[in-house]
Amino acid sequence: FETLINELNKRDIPDSLIDIFNREIEEINVSILAGKAWKNTLKKKQFKILRQLEKERKIVPINYYRNAWIAIGIGGIGIPIGFLIGSGLGSMAFLGLGMPIGLGIGLAVGMRMDKKALAEGRQLDVELKN
């Protein structure tokens, strides 16, 4: 979280966003939670800050688009492809064949978008892990 805050301090961010981020950080600072509950709250606030930053300024962490597009590729592209394969072959046992195809498509699209964000200077030098 500190790395994220340091990266945000390096950027030209409007005061309206800084106010939102400061409110989120203040909620963490005054929290009486401890242990796992505090850690979960910290992660939620971190992702809330990043969602707002992406929505308003299109600034994202490393592998943001890759991670998002893998899920889209599997669910939104792979399953329909698998359905078509299964329908065409007459057996829904082939439904799972579309998922790796969708994964590959999603991975390729997401990596391309991450490279574009890096080239445009919209990528933070921080990678978030779940």
N, C-alpha and C. Protein backbone atom coordinates (compact mmCIF):
# COMPACT_ATOMS: atom_id res chain seq x y z
N PHE A 1 0.83 -1.19 0.00
CA PHE A 1 0.00 0.00 0.00
C PHE A 1 0.87 1.26 0.00
N GLU A 2 1.96 1.20 0.75
CA GLU A 2 2.89 2.35 0.77
C GLU A 2 3.48 2.60 -0.61
N THR A 3 3.81 1.52 -1.31
CA THR A 3 4.36 1.65 -2.66
C THR A 3 3.34 2.33 -3.58
N LEU A 4 2.09 1.93 -3.44
CA LEU A 4 1.03 2.55 -4.24
C LEU A 4 0.94 4.05 -3.94
N ILE A 5 0.95 4.41 -2.68
CA ILE A 5 0.86 5.83 -2.29
C ILE A 5 2.06 6.60 -2.83
N ASN A 6 3.25 6.01 -2.73
CA ASN A 6 4.45 6.67 -3.27
C ASN A 6 4.35 6.88 -4.78
N GLU A 7 3.81 5.89 -5.48
CA GLU A 7 3.63 6.02 -6.93
C GLU A 7 2.61 7.12 -7.25
N LEU A 8 1.56 7.20 -6.46
CA LEU A 8 0.55 8.23 -6.69
C LEU A 8 1.12 9.62 -6.45
N ASN A 9 2.03 9.74 -5.48
CA ASN A 9 2.65 11.03 -5.20
C ASN A 9 3.51 11.52 -6.35
N LYS A 10 3.97 10.61 -7.21
CA LYS A 10 4.80 10.99 -8.35
C LYS A 10 3.96 11.50 -9.53
N ARG A 11 2.66 11.28 -9.46
CA ARG A 11 1.78 11.61 -10.57
C ARG A 11 1.07 12.95 -10.37
N ASP A 12 0.64 13.52 -11.48
CA ASP A 12 -0.16 14.74 -11.44
C ASP A 12 -1.62 14.32 -11.35
N ILE A 13 -2.14 14.32 -10.13
CA ILE A 13 -3.50 13.86 -9.87
C ILE A 13 -4.33 15.05 -9.41
N PRO A 14 -5.55 15.19 -9.95
CA PRO A 14 -6.39 16.33 -9.56
C PRO A 14 -6.74 16.29 -8.06
N ASP A 15 -6.97 17.47 -7.52
CA ASP A 15 -7.29 17.59 -6.09
C ASP A 15 -8.54 16.81 -5.72
N SER A 16 -9.50 16.72 -6.62
CA SER A 16 -10.73 15.99 -6.31
C SER A 16 -10.43 14.51 -6.03
N LEU A 17 -9.54 13.92 -6.81
CA LEU A 17 -9.15 12.53 -6.58
C LEU A 17 -8.31 12.39 -5.32
N ILE A 18 -7.43 13.34 -5.08
CA ILE A 18 -6.60 13.30 -3.88
C ILE A 18 -7.48 13.33 -2.64
N ASP A 19 -8.55 14.13 -2.67
CA ASP A 19 -9.47 14.18 -1.54
C ASP A 19 -10.14 12.82 -1.31
N ILE A 20 -10.56 12.18 -2.39
CA ILE A 20 -11.18 10.85 -2.28
C ILE A 20 -10.18 9.86 -1.69
N PHE A 21 -8.95 9.87 -2.19
CA PHE A 21 -7.93 8.95 -1.71
C PHE A 21 -7.62 9.21 -0.24
N ASN A 22 -7.54 10.48 0.14
CA ASN A 22 -7.25 10.81 1.54
C ASN A 22 -8.35 10.32 2.47
N ARG A 23 -9.61 10.39 2.02
CA ARG A 23 -10.72 9.88 2.84
C ARG A 23 -10.60 8.37 3.03
N GLU A 24 -10.23 7.67 1.97
CA GLU A 24 -10.06 6.21 2.06
C GLU A 24 -8.91 5.87 3.02
N ILE A 25 -7.82 6.59 2.91
CA ILE A 25 -6.67 6.35 3.77
C ILE A 25 -7.01 6.68 5.22
N GLU A 26 -7.76 7.75 5.43
CA GLU A 26 -8.17 8.12 6.79
C GLU A 26 -9.04 7.04 7.42
N GLU A 27 -9.92 6.43 6.62
CA GLU A 27 -10.75 5.34 7.13
C GLU A 27 -9.88 4.16 7.57
N ILE A 28 -8.80 3.91 6.87
CA ILE A 28 -7.88 2.84 7.26
C ILE A 28 -7.18 3.23 8.56
N ASN A 29 -6.73 4.48 8.63
CA ASN A 29 -5.97 4.93 9.81
C ASN A 29 -6.80 4.91 11.09
N VAL A 30 -8.09 5.19 11.01
CA VAL A 30 -8.91 5.23 12.22
C VAL A 30 -9.59 3.89 12.51
N SER A 31 -9.35 2.91 11.66
CA SER A 31 -9.99 1.61 11.82
C SER A 31 -9.53 0.93 13.12
N ILE A 32 -10.47 0.29 13.79
CA ILE A 32 -10.14 -0.44 15.02
C ILE A 32 -9.96 -1.93 14.74
N LEU A 33 -10.06 -2.30 13.49
CA LEU A 33 -9.89 -3.70 13.10
C LEU A 33 -8.44 -4.12 13.27
N ALA A 34 -8.26 -5.43 13.41
CA ALA A 34 -6.91 -5.97 13.56
C ALA A 34 -6.82 -7.29 12.79
N GLY A 35 -5.61 -7.69 12.53
CA GLY A 35 -5.36 -8.98 11.91
C GLY A 35 -5.91 -9.09 10.50
N LYS A 36 -6.57 -10.22 10.24
CA LYS A 36 -7.06 -10.54 8.91
C LYS A 36 -8.15 -9.54 8.46
N ALA A 37 -9.01 -9.11 9.38
CA ALA A 37 -10.06 -8.15 9.03
C ALA A 37 -9.46 -6.82 8.58
N TRP A 38 -8.40 -6.37 9.26
CA TRP A 38 -7.74 -5.12 8.87
C TRP A 38 -7.08 -5.28 7.51
N LYS A 39 -6.45 -6.42 7.29
CA LYS A 39 -5.78 -6.67 6.01
C LYS A 39 -6.80 -6.68 4.87
N ASN A 40 -7.96 -7.29 5.09
CA ASN A 40 -9.00 -7.30 4.07
C ASN A 40 -9.52 -5.89 3.79
N THR A 41 -9.68 -5.09 4.83
CA THR A 41 -10.12 -3.70 4.67
C THR A 41 -9.08 -2.92 3.87
N LEU A 42 -7.81 -3.14 4.18
CA LEU A 42 -6.73 -2.46 3.46
C LEU A 42 -6.78 -2.80 1.97
N LYS A 43 -6.97 -4.08 1.64
CA LYS A 43 -7.05 -4.49 0.24
C LYS A 43 -8.25 -3.87 -0.46
N LYS A 44 -9.39 -3.84 0.23
CA LYS A 44 -10.60 -3.24 -0.37
C LYS A 44 -10.38 -1.76 -0.67
N LYS A 45 -9.77 -1.06 0.26
CA LYS A 45 -9.52 0.37 0.05
C LYS A 45 -8.53 0.58 -1.09
N GLN A 46 -7.52 -0.26 -1.14
CA GLN A 46 -6.51 -0.17 -2.19
C GLN A 46 -7.16 -0.37 -3.56
N PHE A 47 -8.00 -1.38 -3.69
CA PHE A 47 -8.66 -1.63 -4.97
C PHE A 47 -9.67 -0.53 -5.29
N LYS A 48 -10.30 0.04 -4.28
CA LYS A 48 -11.23 1.15 -4.51
C LYS A 48 -10.49 2.36 -5.07
N ILE A 49 -9.33 2.65 -4.50
CA ILE A 49 -8.50 3.75 -4.98
C ILE A 49 -8.09 3.50 -6.43
N LEU A 50 -7.66 2.28 -6.72
CA LEU A 50 -7.21 1.96 -8.08
C LEU A 50 -8.35 2.00 -9.09
N ARG A 51 -9.53 1.53 -8.71
CA ARG A 51 -10.69 1.60 -9.61
C ARG A 51 -11.02 3.05 -9.95
N GLN A 52 -11.00 3.91 -8.92
CA GLN A 52 -11.30 5.33 -9.13
C GLN A 52 -10.24 5.98 -10.03
N LEU A 53 -8.99 5.63 -9.80
CA LEU A 53 -7.88 6.17 -10.59
C LEU A 53 -8.00 5.73 -12.05
N GLU A 54 -8.36 4.47 -12.27
CA GLU A 54 -8.51 3.96 -13.63
C GLU A 54 -9.71 4.62 -14.31
N LYS A 55 -10.77 4.79 -13.57
CA LYS A 55 -11.99 5.39 -14.12
C LYS A 55 -11.77 6.84 -14.51
N GLU A 56 -11.10 7.59 -13.65
CA GLU A 56 -10.95 9.03 -13.87
C GLU A 56 -9.76 9.39 -14.76
N ARG A 57 -8.63 8.71 -14.57
CA ARG A 57 -7.39 9.11 -15.26
C ARG A 57 -6.79 8.03 -16.16
N LYS A 58 -7.40 6.86 -16.19
CA LYS A 58 -6.89 5.72 -16.98
C LYS A 58 -5.48 5.30 -16.57
N ILE A 59 -5.14 5.51 -15.30
CA ILE A 59 -3.85 5.08 -14.76
C ILE A 59 -4.07 3.75 -14.06
N VAL A 60 -3.23 2.76 -14.40
CA VAL A 60 -3.43 1.40 -13.90
C VAL A 60 -2.12 0.81 -13.37
N PRO A 61 -2.21 -0.20 -12.49
CA PRO A 61 -1.00 -0.89 -12.04
C PRO A 61 -0.52 -1.88 -13.12
N ILE A 62 0.63 -2.45 -12.90
CA ILE A 62 1.20 -3.44 -13.81
C ILE A 62 0.24 -4.64 -13.91
N ASN A 63 0.04 -5.14 -15.12
CA ASN A 63 -0.80 -6.31 -15.42
C ASN A 63 -2.27 -6.12 -15.09
N TYR A 64 -2.74 -4.91 -14.99
CA TYR A 64 -4.15 -4.64 -14.70
C TYR A 64 -5.03 -5.19 -15.81
N TYR A 65 -4.74 -4.82 -17.03
CA TYR A 65 -5.56 -5.26 -18.15
C TYR A 65 -5.41 -6.75 -18.41
N ARG A 66 -4.23 -7.29 -18.24
CA ARG A 66 -4.04 -8.73 -18.42
C ARG A 66 -4.95 -9.51 -17.50
N ASN A 67 -4.96 -9.14 -16.23
CA ASN A 67 -5.77 -9.86 -15.26
C ASN A 67 -7.26 -9.72 -15.56
N ALA A 68 -7.68 -8.55 -15.97
CA ALA A 68 -9.09 -8.33 -16.29
C ALA A 68 -9.49 -9.11 -17.54
N TRP A 69 -8.66 -9.07 -18.56
CA TRP A 69 -9.01 -9.70 -19.82
C TRP A 69 -8.90 -11.22 -19.80
N ILE A 70 -8.14 -11.79 -18.89
CA ILE A 70 -8.12 -13.25 -18.77
C ILE A 70 -9.52 -13.72 -18.37
N ALA A 71 -10.12 -13.06 -17.38
CA ALA A 71 -11.46 -13.44 -16.94
C ALA A 71 -12.48 -13.22 -18.06
N ILE A 72 -12.37 -12.10 -18.75
CA ILE A 72 -13.29 -11.81 -19.86
C ILE A 72 -13.10 -12.85 -20.97
N GLY A 73 -11.86 -13.19 -21.25
CA GLY A 73 -11.59 -14.16 -22.30
C GLY A 73 -12.17 -15.53 -21.99
N ILE A 74 -12.00 -15.99 -20.77
CA ILE A 74 -12.52 -17.31 -20.41
C ILE A 74 -14.04 -17.31 -20.40
N GLY A 75 -14.62 -16.34 -19.70
CA GLY A 75 -16.08 -16.33 -19.54
C GLY A 75 -16.85 -15.79 -20.72
N GLY A 76 -16.38 -14.72 -21.29
CA GLY A 76 -17.14 -14.06 -22.35
C GLY A 76 -16.81 -14.52 -23.75
N ILE A 77 -15.64 -15.10 -23.92
CA ILE A 77 -15.24 -15.54 -25.26
C ILE A 77 -15.13 -17.06 -25.32
N GLY A 78 -14.44 -17.64 -24.34
CA GLY A 78 -14.17 -19.07 -24.35
C GLY A 78 -15.40 -19.95 -24.22
N ILE A 79 -16.28 -19.62 -23.32
CA ILE A 79 -17.47 -20.45 -23.11
C ILE A 79 -18.37 -20.44 -24.36
N PRO A 80 -18.63 -19.27 -24.97
CA PRO A 80 -19.42 -19.32 -26.22
C PRO A 80 -18.72 -20.11 -27.33
N ILE A 81 -17.39 -19.99 -27.42
CA ILE A 81 -16.67 -20.77 -28.43
C ILE A 81 -16.83 -22.26 -28.13
N GLY A 82 -16.68 -22.63 -26.86
CA GLY A 82 -16.86 -24.03 -26.47
C GLY A 82 -18.27 -24.52 -26.75
N PHE A 83 -19.26 -23.66 -26.54
CA PHE A 83 -20.64 -24.02 -26.85
C PHE A 83 -20.80 -24.28 -28.34
N LEU A 84 -20.21 -23.42 -29.16
CA LEU A 84 -20.29 -23.62 -30.61
C LEU A 84 -19.59 -24.91 -31.04
N ILE A 85 -18.43 -25.18 -30.45
CA ILE A 85 -17.71 -26.42 -30.77
C ILE A 85 -18.55 -27.63 -30.35
N GLY A 86 -19.08 -27.56 -29.13
CA GLY A 86 -19.92 -28.66 -28.64
C GLY A 86 -21.17 -28.86 -29.47
N SER A 87 -21.80 -27.77 -29.88
CA SER A 87 -23.00 -27.88 -30.72
C SER A 87 -22.65 -28.45 -32.08
N GLY A 88 -21.55 -27.98 -32.63
CA GLY A 88 -21.14 -28.45 -33.95
C GLY A 88 -20.76 -29.92 -33.96
N LEU A 89 -20.17 -30.39 -32.89
CA LEU A 89 -19.76 -31.80 -32.82
C LEU A 89 -20.84 -32.69 -32.21
N GLY A 90 -21.92 -32.06 -31.73
CA GLY A 90 -23.03 -32.84 -31.20
C GLY A 90 -22.83 -33.35 -29.78
N SER A 91 -21.86 -32.81 -29.07
CA SER A 91 -21.63 -33.26 -27.70
C SER A 91 -21.13 -32.08 -26.86
N MET A 92 -21.85 -31.80 -25.79
CA MET A 92 -21.44 -30.70 -24.92
C MET A 92 -20.22 -31.06 -24.08
N ALA A 93 -19.70 -32.25 -24.25
CA ALA A 93 -18.46 -32.63 -23.58
C ALA A 93 -17.29 -31.77 -24.07
N PHE A 94 -17.47 -31.17 -25.23
CA PHE A 94 -16.42 -30.33 -25.81
C PHE A 94 -16.53 -28.86 -25.39
N LEU A 95 -17.45 -28.57 -24.49
CA LEU A 95 -17.65 -27.20 -24.02
C LEU A 95 -16.35 -26.62 -23.45
N GLY A 96 -15.59 -27.43 -22.75
CA GLY A 96 -14.35 -26.97 -22.12
C GLY A 96 -13.24 -26.62 -23.09
N LEU A 97 -13.36 -27.01 -24.33
CA LEU A 97 -12.32 -26.68 -25.31
C LEU A 97 -12.22 -25.19 -25.59
N GLY A 98 -13.30 -24.48 -25.42
CA GLY A 98 -13.29 -23.05 -25.71
C GLY A 98 -12.58 -22.24 -24.64
N MET A 99 -12.52 -22.76 -23.41
CA MET A 99 -11.93 -21.97 -22.32
C MET A 99 -10.45 -21.67 -22.53
N PRO A 100 -9.62 -22.63 -22.93
CA PRO A 100 -8.22 -22.25 -23.18
C PRO A 100 -8.06 -21.32 -24.39
N ILE A 101 -8.96 -21.43 -25.35
CA ILE A 101 -8.93 -20.51 -26.49
C ILE A 101 -9.25 -19.11 -26.01
N GLY A 102 -10.28 -18.97 -25.19
CA GLY A 102 -10.66 -17.68 -24.63
C GLY A 102 -9.57 -17.13 -23.72
N LEU A 103 -8.93 -18.00 -22.95
CA LEU A 103 -7.82 -17.58 -22.09
C LEU A 103 -6.71 -16.96 -22.92
N GLY A 104 -6.36 -17.64 -24.01
CA GLY A 104 -5.30 -17.11 -24.88
C GLY A 104 -5.66 -15.77 -25.50
N ILE A 105 -6.91 -15.66 -25.95
CA ILE A 105 -7.36 -14.40 -26.55
C ILE A 105 -7.34 -13.29 -25.49
N GLY A 106 -7.88 -13.58 -24.31
CA GLY A 106 -7.91 -12.59 -23.24
C GLY A 106 -6.52 -12.17 -22.81
N LEU A 107 -5.62 -13.14 -22.71
CA LEU A 107 -4.23 -12.85 -22.34
C LEU A 107 -3.57 -11.94 -23.36
N ALA A 108 -3.77 -12.24 -24.63
CA ALA A 108 -3.16 -11.43 -25.70
C ALA A 108 -3.70 -10.00 -25.69
N VAL A 109 -5.01 -9.87 -25.58
CA VAL A 109 -5.62 -8.53 -25.57
C VAL A 109 -5.15 -7.75 -24.35
N GLY A 110 -5.19 -8.38 -23.17
CA GLY A 110 -4.78 -7.70 -21.94
C GLY A 110 -3.33 -7.28 -21.96
N MET A 111 -2.45 -8.14 -22.45
CA MET A 111 -1.02 -7.79 -22.51
C MET A 111 -0.79 -6.63 -23.48
N ARG A 112 -1.52 -6.63 -24.59
CA ARG A 112 -1.39 -5.52 -25.55
C ARG A 112 -1.84 -4.20 -24.92
N MET A 113 -2.92 -4.25 -24.15
CA MET A 113 -3.41 -3.04 -23.50
C MET A 113 -2.45 -2.57 -22.40
N ASP A 114 -1.84 -3.51 -21.68
CA ASP A 114 -0.84 -3.15 -20.67
C ASP A 114 0.38 -2.50 -21.31
N LYS A 115 0.82 -3.03 -22.46
CA LYS A 115 1.96 -2.42 -23.16
C LYS A 115 1.63 -1.02 -23.64
N LYS A 116 0.40 -0.83 -24.10
CA LYS A 116 -0.03 0.49 -24.56
C LYS A 116 -0.06 1.47 -23.38
N ALA A 117 -0.57 1.02 -22.23
CA ALA A 117 -0.62 1.88 -21.04
C ALA A 117 0.80 2.26 -20.61
N LEU A 118 1.73 1.32 -20.67
CA LEU A 118 3.12 1.60 -20.31
C LEU A 118 3.72 2.62 -21.28
N ALA A 119 3.49 2.42 -22.57
CA ALA A 119 4.04 3.33 -23.58
C ALA A 119 3.48 4.74 -23.43
N GLU A 120 2.23 4.86 -22.99
CA GLU A 120 1.60 6.16 -22.82
C GLU A 120 1.87 6.77 -21.45
N GLY A 121 2.62 6.06 -20.61
CA GLY A 121 2.93 6.58 -19.27
C GLY A 121 1.77 6.51 -18.30
N ARG A 122 0.84 5.60 -18.54
CA ARG A 122 -0.34 5.48 -17.68
C ARG A 122 -0.23 4.30 -16.71
N GLN A 123 0.94 3.70 -16.63
CA GLN A 123 1.09 2.52 -15.78
C GLN A 123 1.91 2.86 -14.53
N LEU A 124 1.36 2.50 -13.37
CA LEU A 124 2.08 2.68 -12.11
C LEU A 124 3.14 1.60 -11.98
N ASP A 125 4.20 1.90 -11.29
CA ASP A 125 5.26 0.91 -11.07
C ASP A 125 4.95 0.10 -9.83
N VAL A 126 3.80 -0.51 -9.81
CA VAL A 126 3.36 -1.36 -8.71
C VAL A 126 2.45 -2.45 -9.28
N GLU A 127 2.64 -3.67 -8.80
CA GLU A 127 1.78 -4.78 -9.21
C GLU A 127 1.07 -5.29 -7.98
N LEU A 128 -0.23 -5.46 -8.09
CA LEU A 128 -1.02 -5.90 -6.95
C LEU A 128 -1.30 -7.39 -7.05
N LYS A 129 -1.17 -8.06 -5.95
CA LYS A 129 -1.47 -9.49 -5.88
C LYS A 129 -2.68 -9.67 -4.99
N ASN A 130 -3.49 -10.67 -5.35
CA ASN A 130 -4.68 -10.94 -4.52
C ASN A 130 -4.32 -11.71 -3.28
